[in-house]
């Protein structure tokens, strides 16, 4: 016993089967691309993070070199006025400051805030110049104080010489018989 609508049933079954395969293919394709795209994005992000990490390492190395030179200059500037040979120390500071300026100028554009480092170098140079001026003014002031002390001492000597001269003149006049 065969059904009378066998061809229609067969056709309906094949339609169902085709739609089922299309639906499954659509679902499988969606899942496949949903998995593949994040993997590609992860690879892109990993490469991007690797480049950023390298840039950060370069910046850290630059900052470490800069800080080492900065600390050396700052300590020299701090002790320049107590040095026995400040001119020698000042020339070393100027050389080190030039090296620091060259380090900043040669730094690649990956350095985050190059203007900050340049400002620090300029501030150190201004600080060196101010220390030099202050030392010069201090020496001038010490020279002025020494001259002032010497002037007071010479005034005393002059007063003593004047008094002594008056005494000699008085004695001389007494000896000659002239009185005031």
Foldseek 3Di string as FASTA:
>chain_A
DDDPPPVVVVVVVVVVVVVVVVVVVVVVVVVVCVVVVVVVVVVVVVVVVVVVVVLVVLLVVLVVVLVVLLVVLVVLLVCLVVDPDNVVSLVVSVVSLVVQCVSLVPDDPSHDCSVVSVVSSVVSVVSSVVSVVVSVVVVVVVVVVVVVVVVVVVVVVVVVVVVVVVVVVQVVCVVVPHHD
